[in-house]
N, C-alpha and C. Protein backbone atom coordinates (compact mmCIF):
# COMPACT_ATOMS: atom_id res chain seq x y z
N MET A 1 60.06 83.36 141.93
CA MET A 1 59.06 84.31 141.59
C MET A 1 59.29 85.61 142.20
N ALA A 2 59.63 85.47 143.73
CA ALA A 2 59.80 86.77 144.50
C ALA A 2 61.04 87.52 144.00
N GLY A 3 62.10 86.57 143.69
CA GLY A 3 63.24 87.27 143.18
C GLY A 3 63.06 87.96 141.85
N CYS A 4 62.31 87.55 140.92
CA CYS A 4 61.98 88.17 139.81
C CYS A 4 61.24 89.48 140.05
N LEU A 5 60.25 89.41 141.04
CA LEU A 5 59.50 90.67 141.19
C LEU A 5 60.45 91.74 141.85
N VAL A 6 61.19 91.35 142.76
CA VAL A 6 62.06 92.05 143.52
C VAL A 6 63.13 93.07 142.43
N SER A 7 63.69 92.18 141.37
CA SER A 7 64.55 92.62 140.45
C SER A 7 63.73 93.76 139.52
N LEU A 8 62.42 93.25 139.21
CA LEU A 8 61.60 94.07 138.39
C LEU A 8 61.40 95.62 139.29
N LEU A 9 61.21 95.43 140.36
CA LEU A 9 61.01 96.61 141.24
C LEU A 9 62.15 97.56 141.32
N LEU A 10 63.23 96.84 141.37
CA LEU A 10 64.70 97.48 141.46
C LEU A 10 64.87 98.33 140.09
N ALA A 11 64.62 97.54 139.09
CA ALA A 11 64.79 98.20 137.69
C ALA A 11 63.77 99.46 137.57
N ALA A 12 62.69 99.24 137.89
CA ALA A 12 61.80 100.45 137.86
C ALA A 12 62.20 101.64 138.63
N THR A 13 62.84 101.37 139.94
CA THR A 13 63.16 102.38 140.66
C THR A 13 64.36 103.07 140.23
N ALA A 14 65.29 102.38 139.50
CA ALA A 14 66.58 102.88 138.82
C ALA A 14 66.26 103.73 137.42
N VAL A 15 65.05 103.32 136.93
CA VAL A 15 64.58 104.07 135.70
C VAL A 15 64.05 105.41 136.31
N ALA A 16 63.20 105.45 137.20
CA ALA A 16 62.72 106.50 137.97
C ALA A 16 63.66 107.37 138.34
N GLN A 17 64.58 106.91 139.01
CA GLN A 17 65.66 107.86 139.55
C GLN A 17 66.44 108.42 138.38
N ALA A 18 66.85 107.76 137.46
CA ALA A 18 67.64 108.32 136.32
C ALA A 18 66.87 109.39 135.71
N GLY A 19 65.51 109.36 135.46
CA GLY A 19 64.66 110.28 134.88
C GLY A 19 64.63 111.53 135.71
N ALA A 20 64.52 111.31 137.12
CA ALA A 20 64.48 112.55 138.10
C ALA A 20 65.76 113.42 138.20
N GLN A 21 66.87 112.65 138.08
CA GLN A 21 68.13 113.50 138.08
C GLN A 21 68.25 114.29 136.91
N SER A 22 68.80 115.48 137.06
CA SER A 22 69.24 116.51 136.03
C SER A 22 70.28 117.19 136.64
N GLY A 23 71.29 117.50 135.80
CA GLY A 23 72.53 118.29 136.08
C GLY A 23 72.33 119.63 135.65
N SER A 24 71.32 120.37 135.98
CA SER A 24 71.01 121.69 135.39
C SER A 24 71.43 122.71 136.56
N VAL A 25 72.03 123.82 136.01
CA VAL A 25 72.33 124.85 136.91
C VAL A 25 71.14 125.92 137.04
N ARG A 26 71.03 126.35 138.25
CA ARG A 26 70.06 127.35 138.45
C ARG A 26 70.49 128.88 138.24
N TYR A 27 70.07 129.55 137.39
CA TYR A 27 70.37 130.87 137.11
C TYR A 27 69.75 131.89 137.76
N GLN A 28 70.36 132.87 138.38
CA GLN A 28 69.65 133.87 139.00
C GLN A 28 69.32 135.11 138.10
N ARG A 29 68.26 135.70 138.16
CA ARG A 29 67.98 136.70 137.00
C ARG A 29 68.53 138.02 137.69
N GLU A 30 69.04 138.71 136.73
CA GLU A 30 69.67 140.11 137.18
C GLU A 30 69.15 141.08 136.06
N SER A 31 69.08 142.51 136.46
CA SER A 31 68.82 143.45 135.57
C SER A 31 70.02 143.76 134.63
N PHE A 32 69.61 144.55 133.60
CA PHE A 32 70.64 144.82 132.61
C PHE A 32 71.64 145.85 133.21
N LYS A 33 71.07 146.77 134.02
CA LYS A 33 72.13 147.83 134.72
C LYS A 33 73.12 147.00 135.57
N THR A 34 72.58 145.82 136.32
CA THR A 34 73.52 145.05 137.21
C THR A 34 74.61 144.52 136.28
N PHE A 35 74.19 144.07 135.19
CA PHE A 35 75.26 143.46 134.15
C PHE A 35 76.12 144.32 133.66
N GLU A 36 75.75 145.56 133.45
CA GLU A 36 76.57 146.76 133.10
C GLU A 36 77.71 147.06 134.23
N GLY A 37 77.07 147.00 135.33
CA GLY A 37 78.24 147.06 136.54
C GLY A 37 79.08 146.10 136.74
N GLN A 38 78.59 144.73 136.51
CA GLN A 38 79.57 143.66 136.58
C GLN A 38 80.57 143.62 135.49
N LEU A 39 80.13 144.13 134.39
CA LEU A 39 80.98 144.18 133.20
C LEU A 39 82.01 145.16 133.36
N SER A 40 81.78 146.33 133.96
CA SER A 40 82.71 147.37 134.18
C SER A 40 83.67 147.06 135.19
N ALA A 41 83.22 146.44 136.17
CA ALA A 41 84.14 145.82 137.33
C ALA A 41 84.81 144.75 136.99
N GLY A 42 84.58 143.95 135.87
CA GLY A 42 85.55 142.87 135.52
C GLY A 42 85.19 141.55 136.23
N GLN A 43 83.88 141.48 136.65
CA GLN A 43 83.31 140.39 137.40
C GLN A 43 82.83 139.12 136.71
N ILE A 44 82.87 139.20 135.51
CA ILE A 44 82.25 138.07 134.51
C ILE A 44 83.46 137.36 134.00
N GLU A 45 83.27 136.00 134.09
CA GLU A 45 84.18 134.99 133.54
C GLU A 45 83.90 134.44 132.22
N THR A 46 82.68 134.00 132.10
CA THR A 46 82.14 133.50 130.74
C THR A 46 80.73 133.99 130.50
N ALA A 47 80.40 134.05 129.17
CA ALA A 47 79.20 134.61 128.91
C ALA A 47 78.70 133.80 127.61
N THR A 48 77.42 133.31 127.73
CA THR A 48 76.85 132.51 126.71
C THR A 48 75.62 133.25 126.08
N PHE A 49 75.45 133.64 124.80
CA PHE A 49 74.43 134.40 124.27
C PHE A 49 73.26 133.10 124.01
N ASN A 50 71.98 133.39 124.11
CA ASN A 50 70.83 132.80 123.66
C ASN A 50 70.09 133.76 122.74
N LYS A 51 70.38 133.77 121.42
CA LYS A 51 69.85 134.95 120.52
C LYS A 51 68.13 134.77 120.40
N LYS A 52 67.94 133.53 120.46
CA LYS A 52 66.24 133.48 120.31
C LYS A 52 65.76 134.03 121.43
N ALA A 53 66.04 133.77 122.68
CA ALA A 53 65.45 134.42 123.83
C ALA A 53 66.08 135.73 124.30
N HIS A 54 67.06 136.17 123.62
CA HIS A 54 67.63 137.54 123.98
C HIS A 54 68.12 137.53 125.45
N THR A 55 68.84 136.62 125.82
CA THR A 55 69.42 136.41 127.03
C THR A 55 70.71 136.06 127.07
N VAL A 56 71.60 136.26 128.10
CA VAL A 56 72.85 135.94 128.26
C VAL A 56 72.99 135.26 129.48
N HIS A 57 73.74 134.09 129.61
CA HIS A 57 74.01 133.21 130.56
C HIS A 57 75.41 133.59 131.00
N LEU A 58 75.73 134.08 132.37
CA LEU A 58 76.87 134.60 132.74
C LEU A 58 77.30 133.77 133.78
N LEU A 59 78.61 133.44 133.73
CA LEU A 59 79.21 132.89 134.85
C LEU A 59 80.19 133.82 135.58
N LEU A 60 80.00 134.25 136.83
CA LEU A 60 80.73 135.32 137.41
C LEU A 60 81.91 134.68 138.06
N LYS A 61 83.08 135.57 138.37
CA LYS A 61 84.19 134.93 138.92
C LYS A 61 84.16 134.58 140.18
N ASP A 62 82.89 134.90 141.12
CA ASP A 62 82.65 134.37 142.35
C ASP A 62 81.87 132.89 142.28
N GLY A 63 81.60 132.54 141.11
CA GLY A 63 80.98 131.20 141.22
C GLY A 63 79.62 131.22 140.85
N ARG A 64 78.90 132.40 140.98
CA ARG A 64 77.47 132.56 140.70
C ARG A 64 77.27 132.43 139.17
N HIS A 65 75.72 131.85 138.89
CA HIS A 65 75.39 131.83 137.69
C HIS A 65 74.20 132.91 137.29
N VAL A 66 74.34 133.66 136.47
CA VAL A 66 73.43 134.78 136.44
C VAL A 66 72.71 134.61 134.79
N LEU A 67 71.48 135.13 134.79
CA LEU A 67 70.83 135.29 133.48
C LEU A 67 70.29 136.70 133.38
N VAL A 68 70.70 137.38 132.25
CA VAL A 68 70.33 138.74 131.91
C VAL A 68 69.63 138.77 130.61
N SER A 69 68.66 139.52 130.41
CA SER A 69 67.91 139.92 129.20
C SER A 69 68.55 141.16 128.64
N TYR A 70 68.56 141.10 127.43
CA TYR A 70 69.18 142.20 126.73
C TYR A 70 68.40 142.64 125.40
N PRO A 71 68.44 143.91 125.00
CA PRO A 71 67.74 144.42 123.83
C PRO A 71 68.20 143.58 122.71
N SER A 72 67.20 143.19 121.78
CA SER A 72 67.56 142.29 120.63
C SER A 72 68.54 142.73 119.79
N HIS A 73 68.63 144.04 119.55
CA HIS A 73 69.69 144.73 118.52
C HIS A 73 71.09 144.76 119.13
N GLU A 74 71.26 144.57 120.41
CA GLU A 74 72.48 145.11 121.10
C GLU A 74 73.59 143.75 121.14
N GLU A 75 73.16 142.48 120.74
CA GLU A 75 73.99 141.37 121.00
C GLU A 75 75.39 141.58 120.40
N PRO A 76 75.51 142.02 119.09
CA PRO A 76 77.04 142.30 118.57
C PRO A 76 77.73 143.15 119.42
N GLN A 77 77.21 144.23 119.87
CA GLN A 77 77.89 145.24 120.69
C GLN A 77 78.24 144.55 122.15
N LEU A 78 77.28 143.88 122.65
CA LEU A 78 77.52 143.37 123.97
C LEU A 78 78.73 142.38 123.96
N ALA A 79 78.75 141.42 122.80
CA ALA A 79 79.56 140.55 122.73
C ALA A 79 81.05 141.02 122.46
N ALA A 80 81.08 142.45 121.83
CA ALA A 80 82.47 142.88 121.47
C ALA A 80 82.83 143.50 122.70
N LYS A 81 81.97 144.13 123.72
CA LYS A 81 82.40 144.84 125.01
C LYS A 81 82.92 143.66 125.97
N LEU A 82 82.23 142.49 126.05
CA LEU A 82 82.64 141.41 126.71
C LEU A 82 84.09 140.89 126.33
N ARG A 83 84.28 140.87 125.01
CA ARG A 83 85.55 140.22 124.46
C ARG A 83 86.75 141.27 125.01
N GLU A 84 86.35 142.57 124.80
CA GLU A 84 87.30 143.75 125.23
C GLU A 84 87.78 143.43 126.68
N LYS A 85 86.79 142.88 127.47
CA LYS A 85 87.15 142.77 128.97
C LYS A 85 87.93 141.51 129.15
N GLY A 86 88.10 140.54 128.16
CA GLY A 86 88.72 139.40 128.23
C GLY A 86 87.79 138.22 128.78
N VAL A 87 86.53 138.45 128.45
CA VAL A 87 85.52 137.50 128.95
C VAL A 87 85.39 136.37 127.73
N SER A 88 85.23 135.20 128.03
CA SER A 88 85.16 133.85 127.15
C SER A 88 83.67 134.26 126.60
N VAL A 89 83.37 134.42 125.29
CA VAL A 89 82.03 134.54 124.76
C VAL A 89 81.67 133.49 123.80
N GLN A 90 80.49 132.95 124.13
CA GLN A 90 79.82 131.87 123.14
C GLN A 90 78.56 132.35 122.72
N VAL A 91 78.15 131.89 121.61
CA VAL A 91 76.76 132.15 121.07
C VAL A 91 76.11 130.77 121.01
N GLY A 92 75.09 130.69 121.61
CA GLY A 92 74.36 129.62 121.78
C GLY A 92 73.79 129.09 120.40
N LYS A 93 74.07 127.78 119.97
CA LYS A 93 73.53 127.38 118.64
C LYS A 93 72.45 126.63 118.95
N LYS A 94 71.45 126.60 117.91
CA LYS A 94 70.24 125.74 118.03
C LYS A 94 70.67 124.26 118.18
N LYS A 95 69.98 123.79 119.20
CA LYS A 95 70.08 122.39 119.49
C LYS A 95 68.99 121.52 118.88
N LYS A 96 69.38 120.33 118.37
CA LYS A 96 68.27 119.46 117.80
C LYS A 96 67.32 119.11 119.06
N ALA A 97 66.13 119.11 118.68
CA ALA A 97 65.15 118.75 119.58
C ALA A 97 65.33 117.24 120.12
N ALA A 98 65.47 116.95 121.29
CA ALA A 98 65.69 115.70 121.97
C ALA A 98 64.32 114.99 121.89
N LYS A 99 64.40 113.67 121.85
CA LYS A 99 63.23 112.88 121.78
C LYS A 99 62.56 112.96 123.09
N ALA A 100 61.32 112.86 123.14
CA ALA A 100 60.59 112.79 124.38
C ALA A 100 60.75 111.61 125.23
N VAL A 101 61.29 111.90 126.26
CA VAL A 101 61.60 110.73 127.24
C VAL A 101 60.32 110.18 127.90
N LYS A 102 59.30 111.01 127.93
CA LYS A 102 58.03 110.60 128.61
C LYS A 102 57.42 109.37 128.09
N HIS A 103 57.49 109.40 126.59
CA HIS A 103 56.93 108.18 126.12
C HIS A 103 57.73 106.85 126.26
N LYS A 104 59.06 106.98 126.30
CA LYS A 104 59.79 105.81 126.58
C LYS A 104 59.57 105.34 128.08
N LEU A 105 59.48 106.17 128.97
CA LEU A 105 59.08 105.73 130.36
C LEU A 105 57.96 105.26 130.56
N ARG A 106 56.78 105.84 129.80
CA ARG A 106 55.50 105.19 129.82
C ARG A 106 55.56 103.85 129.35
N TYR A 107 56.10 103.36 128.28
CA TYR A 107 56.33 102.11 127.78
C TYR A 107 56.91 101.20 128.75
N ILE A 108 58.08 101.64 129.47
CA ILE A 108 58.74 100.72 130.40
C ILE A 108 57.97 100.54 131.39
N ALA A 109 57.11 101.51 132.15
CA ALA A 109 56.20 101.50 133.19
C ALA A 109 55.00 100.58 132.86
N GLY A 110 54.40 100.88 131.53
CA GLY A 110 53.43 99.76 131.19
C GLY A 110 54.01 98.51 131.26
N GLY A 111 55.01 98.21 130.67
CA GLY A 111 55.47 96.81 130.61
C GLY A 111 55.65 96.14 131.83
N ILE A 112 56.28 96.90 132.78
CA ILE A 112 56.44 96.54 134.22
C ILE A 112 55.24 96.06 134.97
N LEU A 113 54.11 96.98 134.57
CA LEU A 113 52.87 96.84 135.30
C LEU A 113 52.24 95.38 134.62
N ILE A 114 52.28 95.03 133.50
CA ILE A 114 51.71 93.93 132.90
C ILE A 114 52.35 92.70 133.38
N VAL A 115 53.81 92.78 133.74
CA VAL A 115 54.74 91.66 134.16
C VAL A 115 54.04 91.51 135.57
N VAL A 116 53.83 92.50 136.27
CA VAL A 116 53.39 92.42 137.74
C VAL A 116 52.00 91.84 137.81
N ILE A 117 51.07 92.25 136.83
CA ILE A 117 49.71 91.63 136.77
C ILE A 117 49.86 90.23 136.40
N VAL A 118 50.71 89.77 135.57
CA VAL A 118 50.83 88.41 135.10
C VAL A 118 51.24 87.43 136.39
N VAL A 119 52.23 88.00 136.97
CA VAL A 119 52.99 87.28 138.20
C VAL A 119 51.82 87.27 139.21
N VAL A 120 51.26 88.26 139.56
CA VAL A 120 49.97 88.15 140.61
C VAL A 120 49.03 87.12 140.05
N ALA A 121 48.63 87.11 138.89
CA ALA A 121 47.39 86.26 138.48
C ALA A 121 47.99 84.92 138.54
N GLY A 122 49.26 84.58 138.15
CA GLY A 122 49.78 83.35 138.11
C GLY A 122 49.91 82.66 139.48
N VAL A 123 50.25 83.72 140.59
CA VAL A 123 50.27 83.10 141.94
C VAL A 123 48.87 82.87 142.54
N LEU A 124 47.92 83.63 142.12
CA LEU A 124 46.47 83.38 142.59
C LEU A 124 45.95 82.25 142.07
N TRP A 125 46.53 81.96 140.93
CA TRP A 125 45.77 80.68 140.10
C TRP A 125 46.63 79.57 140.68
N VAL A 126 47.70 79.37 141.05
CA VAL A 126 48.54 78.34 141.67
C VAL A 126 47.81 78.02 142.83
N ASP A 127 47.68 79.08 143.69
CA ASP A 127 47.28 78.97 145.05
C ASP A 127 45.74 78.44 145.16
N ARG A 128 44.90 78.86 144.12
CA ARG A 128 43.64 78.47 144.03
C ARG A 128 43.54 76.85 143.80
N ARG A 129 44.45 76.42 142.73
CA ARG A 129 44.58 75.08 142.33
C ARG A 129 44.99 74.15 143.52
N ARG A 130 46.00 74.77 144.46
CA ARG A 130 46.29 74.17 145.49
C ARG A 130 45.40 73.88 146.55
N LYS A 131 44.53 74.94 146.66
CA LYS A 131 43.44 74.85 147.71
C LYS A 131 42.32 73.85 147.13
N LEU A 132 41.97 74.02 146.05
CA LEU A 132 40.93 73.02 145.43
C LEU A 132 41.41 71.55 145.53
N GLY A 133 42.75 71.52 145.21
CA GLY A 133 43.14 70.11 145.39
C GLY A 133 43.22 69.59 146.67
N GLU A 134 43.54 70.37 147.76
CA GLU A 134 43.31 70.02 149.23
C GLU A 134 42.05 69.69 149.51
N ALA A 135 41.14 70.49 149.21
CA ALA A 135 39.76 70.46 149.64
C ALA A 135 39.14 69.06 148.94
N GLY A 136 39.35 68.92 147.62
CA GLY A 136 38.90 67.92 147.06
C GLY A 136 39.39 66.44 147.15
N GLY A 137 40.54 66.49 147.51
CA GLY A 137 41.45 65.35 147.78
C GLY A 137 40.80 64.48 148.95
N GLY A 138 40.35 65.03 149.93
CA GLY A 138 39.88 64.38 151.25
C GLY A 138 38.27 63.76 150.84
N ALA A 139 37.60 64.27 149.99
CA ALA A 139 36.15 63.89 149.69
C ALA A 139 36.08 62.69 148.88
N HIS A 140 37.06 62.45 148.02
CA HIS A 140 37.10 61.55 146.88
C HIS A 140 38.06 60.39 147.23
N THR A 141 38.09 60.01 148.39
CA THR A 141 39.10 58.70 148.77
C THR A 141 38.37 57.48 148.32
N ALA A 142 39.13 56.59 147.54
CA ALA A 142 38.41 55.29 147.13
C ALA A 142 38.54 54.44 148.33
N PRO A 143 37.42 53.45 148.33
CA PRO A 143 37.47 52.55 149.50
C PRO A 143 38.54 51.58 149.48
N SER A 144 39.16 51.14 150.46
CA SER A 144 40.11 50.18 150.59
C SER A 144 39.68 48.77 150.05
N SER A 145 40.49 47.91 149.62
CA SER A 145 40.10 46.50 149.08
C SER A 145 39.58 45.71 150.24
N GLY A 146 39.98 45.90 151.45
CA GLY A 146 39.42 44.84 152.43
C GLY A 146 38.10 45.18 152.95
N GLU A 147 37.62 46.41 152.79
CA GLU A 147 36.29 46.85 153.36
C GLU A 147 35.21 46.56 152.48
N GLY A 148 35.29 46.48 151.26
CA GLY A 148 34.27 46.57 150.20
C GLY A 148 33.49 44.98 150.25
N ALA A 149 34.10 43.94 150.73
CA ALA A 149 33.70 42.60 150.39
C ALA A 149 32.70 42.28 151.45
């Protein structure tokens, strides 16, 4: 039983760690003026437009990740300017909404909790039966055949 409990705890830990890890990049916000200066200096390596949020995710040649907001009507002109400077330009497409992971993790955690409760209840039940058997066994001894006559 202890081995089963340990393996369940290890599985729960692995699920929690998998949910906690994320490979996201932190983008530093910069002004539009700074962006224009970086563009004219040729410091931008790649640019990805997010049309809905009116932002551009930039990867600079020094390895920094930058987020710049732009006026909504200037996306085609900015893309053209970036391409002229030899920058790789991508326009972000709408992603399909991912299923909520929270619900799946809740079901897993609930299942693990139920299994732990059942294991603990089973151990307590077996322990109680063992204790009742020891206490009751000494009081109900039958008389030996030689003493009763």
